[in-house]
Amino acid sequence: MYTIDENKKITIVKKDTAYISVVLPNYDLKEGDTLTFTIAREKESQEPLVQKVTTDFATDHIAVFYFSSQDTNLDKGTYYYDIQLNTSDGWVDTVIGPAKIKVIEGVTY
């Protein structure tokens, strides 16, 4: 289970799997584009904890990232994430973030 609030803060239960959809209403995603979702302990961290790259776009405006239980097996706490778009023609744009992602403990493991 995960939630996203109005400030784009994500809360996810440790070791849960998730499909997180990203909507880019002002850009048509196309072949050759990539979106990268990076989670780090601190902003401007040199070492990402999790980095997911997708070129799989559900529609022209929606990209989907899959997070396995291994990806979300982080210590309980608050981290930072951002999502960067690299277009096929060389444009680079951070479309979300940096924003917070909070990992919480579950009851069942």
C-alpha atoms as a PDB file:
ATOM      1  CA  MET A   1       0.000   0.000   0.000  1.00  0.00           C
ATOM      2  CA  TYR A   2       1.166   3.494  -0.741  1.00  0.00           C
ATOM      3  CA  THR A   3      -0.330   6.971  -0.683  1.00  0.00           C
ATOM      4  CA  ILE A   4       0.628  10.250  -2.329  1.00  0.00           C
ATOM      5  CA  ASP A   5      -0.491  13.524  -0.746  1.00  0.00           C
ATOM      6  CA  GLU A   6      -1.057  16.963  -2.290  1.00  0.00           C
ATOM      7  CA  ASN A   7       2.647  17.844  -1.780  1.00  0.00           C
ATOM      8  CA  LYS A   8       3.669  14.710  -3.727  1.00  0.00           C
ATOM      9  CA  LYS A   9       4.916  13.045  -0.505  1.00  0.00           C
ATOM     10  CA  ILE A  10       4.755   9.274  -0.884  1.00  0.00           C
ATOM     11  CA  THR A  11       4.170   7.001   2.110  1.00  0.00           C
ATOM     12  CA  ILE A  12       4.799   3.290   1.545  1.00  0.00           C
ATOM     13  CA  VAL A  13       4.876   0.231   3.797  1.00  0.00           C
ATOM     14  CA  LYS A  14       8.306  -1.379   3.996  1.00  0.00           C
ATOM     15  CA  LYS A  15       8.646  -4.432   1.688  1.00  0.00           C
ATOM     16  CA  ASP A  16       5.372  -3.732  -0.156  1.00  0.00           C
ATOM     17  CA  THR A  17       5.243  -3.901  -3.942  1.00  0.00           C
ATOM     18  CA  ALA A  18       3.782  -1.023  -5.907  1.00  0.00           C
ATOM     19  CA  TYR A  19       3.048   0.320  -9.358  1.00  0.00           C
ATOM     20  CA  ILE A  20       3.464   4.089  -9.241  1.00  0.00           C
ATOM     21  CA  SER A  21       2.013   5.974 -12.192  1.00  0.00           C
ATOM     22  CA  VAL A  22       3.376   9.340 -13.260  1.00  0.00           C
ATOM     23  CA  VAL A  23       1.204  11.652 -15.346  1.00  0.00           C
ATOM     24  CA  LEU A  24       2.823  14.321 -17.504  1.00  0.00           C
ATOM     25  CA  PRO A  25      -0.164  16.323 -18.791  1.00  0.00           C
ATOM     26  CA  ASN A  26       1.954  18.811 -20.782  1.00  0.00           C
ATOM     27  CA  TYR A  27       4.159  16.341 -22.639  1.00  0.00           C
ATOM     28  CA  ASP A  28       3.500  13.374 -24.931  1.00  0.00           C
ATOM     29  CA  LEU A  29       5.904  10.592 -23.961  1.00  0.00           C
ATOM     30  CA  LYS A  30       7.353   8.895 -27.010  1.00  0.00           C
ATOM     31  CA  GLU A  31       9.785   6.217 -28.107  1.00  0.00           C
ATOM     32  CA  GLY A  32      13.311   7.110 -27.063  1.00  0.00           C
ATOM     33  CA  ASP A  33      12.217   9.010 -23.931  1.00  0.00           C
ATOM     34  CA  THR A  34      13.179   7.746 -20.474  1.00  0.00           C
ATOM     35  CA  LEU A  35      11.911   8.562 -17.011  1.00  0.00           C
ATOM     36  CA  THR A  36      14.131   7.900 -13.988  1.00  0.00           C
ATOM     37  CA  PHE A  37      12.732   7.617 -10.442  1.00  0.00           C
ATOM     38  CA  THR A  38      15.515   8.001  -7.857  1.00  0.00           C
ATOM     39  CA  ILE A  39      15.296   7.557  -4.070  1.00  0.00           C
ATOM     40  CA  ALA A  40      18.154   8.864  -1.912  1.00  0.00           C
ATOM     41  CA  ARG A  41      18.796   9.402   1.773  1.00  0.00           C
ATOM     42  CA  GLU A  42      19.483  13.130   1.257  1.00  0.00           C
ATOM     43  CA  LYS A  43      18.994  15.673  -1.511  1.00  0.00           C
ATOM     44  CA  GLU A  44      21.970  15.820  -3.873  1.00  0.00           C
ATOM     45  CA  SER A  45      23.175  12.449  -2.590  1.00  0.00           C
ATOM     46  CA  GLN A  46      25.840  10.847  -4.764  1.00  0.00           C
ATOM     47  CA  GLU A  47      24.551   7.345  -3.992  1.00  0.00           C
ATOM     48  CA  PRO A  48      20.929   6.541  -4.838  1.00  0.00           C
ATOM     49  CA  LEU A  49      19.297   3.889  -2.674  1.00  0.00           C
ATOM     50  CA  VAL A  50      16.864   2.911  -5.424  1.00  0.00           C
ATOM     51  CA  GLN A  51      16.805   3.960  -9.043  1.00  0.00           C
ATOM     52  CA  LYS A  52      14.143   2.800 -11.491  1.00  0.00           C
ATOM     53  CA  VAL A  53      14.177   3.641 -15.196  1.00  0.00           C
ATOM     54  CA  THR A  54      11.180   3.197 -17.473  1.00  0.00           C
ATOM     55  CA  THR A  55      10.548   3.529 -21.147  1.00  0.00           C
ATOM     56  CA  ASP A  56       7.181   1.749 -20.755  1.00  0.00           C
ATOM     57  CA  PHE A  57       4.454   4.330 -21.204  1.00  0.00           C
ATOM     58  CA  ALA A  58       0.829   3.281 -20.646  1.00  0.00           C
ATOM     59  CA  THR A  59      -0.509   6.162 -22.775  1.00  0.00           C
ATOM     60  CA  ASP A  60       1.012   9.301 -24.252  1.00  0.00           C
ATOM     61  CA  HIS A  61       0.992  11.039 -20.859  1.00  0.00           C
ATOM     62  CA  ILE A  62       1.412   8.210 -18.309  1.00  0.00           C
ATOM     63  CA  ALA A  63       4.498   6.244 -17.276  1.00  0.00           C
ATOM     64  CA  VAL A  64       4.483   3.386 -14.785  1.00  0.00           C
ATOM     65  CA  PHE A  65       7.241   2.399 -12.364  1.00  0.00           C
ATOM     66  CA  TYR A  66       7.239  -1.016 -10.674  1.00  0.00           C
ATOM     67  CA  PHE A  67       8.710  -1.328  -7.186  1.00  0.00           C
ATOM     68  CA  SER A  68       9.444  -4.805  -5.854  1.00  0.00           C
ATOM     69  CA  SER A  69       9.516  -5.722  -2.163  1.00  0.00           C
ATOM     70  CA  GLN A  70      13.313  -5.635  -2.460  1.00  0.00           C
ATOM     71  CA  ASP A  71      13.147  -2.013  -3.701  1.00  0.00           C
ATOM     72  CA  THR A  72      11.032  -0.941  -0.719  1.00  0.00           C
ATOM     73  CA  ASN A  73      13.052  -2.878   1.858  1.00  0.00           C
ATOM     74  CA  LEU A  74      14.513   0.333   3.283  1.00  0.00           C
ATOM     75  CA  ASP A  75      14.936   1.297   6.922  1.00  0.00           C
ATOM     76  CA  LYS A  76      11.918   3.032   8.394  1.00  0.00           C
ATOM     77  CA  GLY A  77      12.289   6.773   7.830  1.00  0.00           C
ATOM     78  CA  THR A  78      11.984   9.671   5.433  1.00  0.00           C
ATOM     79  CA  TYR A  79      13.974   9.860   2.205  1.00  0.00           C
ATOM     80  CA  TYR A  80      13.889  12.045  -0.912  1.00  0.00           C
ATOM     81  CA  TYR A  81      12.912  11.188  -4.455  1.00  0.00           C
ATOM     82  CA  ASP A  82      12.713  12.875  -7.808  1.00  0.00           C
ATOM     83  CA  ILE A  83      11.643  11.898 -11.289  1.00  0.00           C
ATOM     84  CA  GLN A  84      13.693  13.046 -14.249  1.00  0.00           C
ATOM     85  CA  LEU A  85      12.606  13.041 -17.881  1.00  0.00           C
ATOM     86  CA  ASN A  86      15.221  12.596 -20.614  1.00  0.00           C
ATOM     87  CA  THR A  87      13.653  13.118 -24.026  1.00  0.00           C
ATOM     88  CA  SER A  88      14.778  11.492 -27.240  1.00  0.00           C
ATOM     89  CA  ASP A  89      15.928  14.899 -28.529  1.00  0.00           C
ATOM     90  CA  GLY A  90      18.210  15.601 -25.523  1.00  0.00           C
ATOM     91  CA  TRP A  91      15.938  17.665 -23.239  1.00  0.00           C
ATOM     92  CA  VAL A  92      16.434  16.950 -19.499  1.00  0.00           C
ATOM     93  CA  ASP A  93      13.749  17.996 -16.995  1.00  0.00           C
ATOM     94  CA  THR A  94      13.115  17.073 -13.372  1.00  0.00           C
ATOM     95  CA  VAL A  95       9.346  16.696 -13.568  1.00  0.00           C
ATOM     96  CA  ILE A  96       8.729  15.871  -9.880  1.00  0.00           C
ATOM     97  CA  GLY A  97      10.758  16.703  -6.830  1.00  0.00           C
ATOM     98  CA  PRO A  98      12.760  16.621  -4.948  1.00  0.00           C
ATOM     99  CA  ALA A  99       9.950  15.430  -2.714  1.00  0.00           C
ATOM    100  CA  LYS A 100       9.744  13.225   0.361  1.00  0.00           C
ATOM    101  CA  ILE A 101       9.106   9.493   0.467  1.00  0.00           C
ATOM    102  CA  LYS A 102       8.391   7.944   3.855  1.00  0.00           C
ATOM    103  CA  VAL A 103       8.865   4.233   4.551  1.00  0.00           C
ATOM    104  CA  ILE A 104       6.738   2.946   7.427  1.00  0.00           C
ATOM    105  CA  GLU A 105       6.661  -0.363   9.256  1.00  0.00           C
ATOM    106  CA  GLY A 106       3.949  -2.878   8.472  1.00  0.00           C
ATOM    107  CA  VAL A 107       2.458  -5.494  10.761  1.00  0.00           C
ATOM    108  CA  THR A 108       2.738  -8.569   8.529  1.00  0.00           C
ATOM    109  CA  TYR A 109       5.997  -9.618   6.867  1.00  0.00           C
END
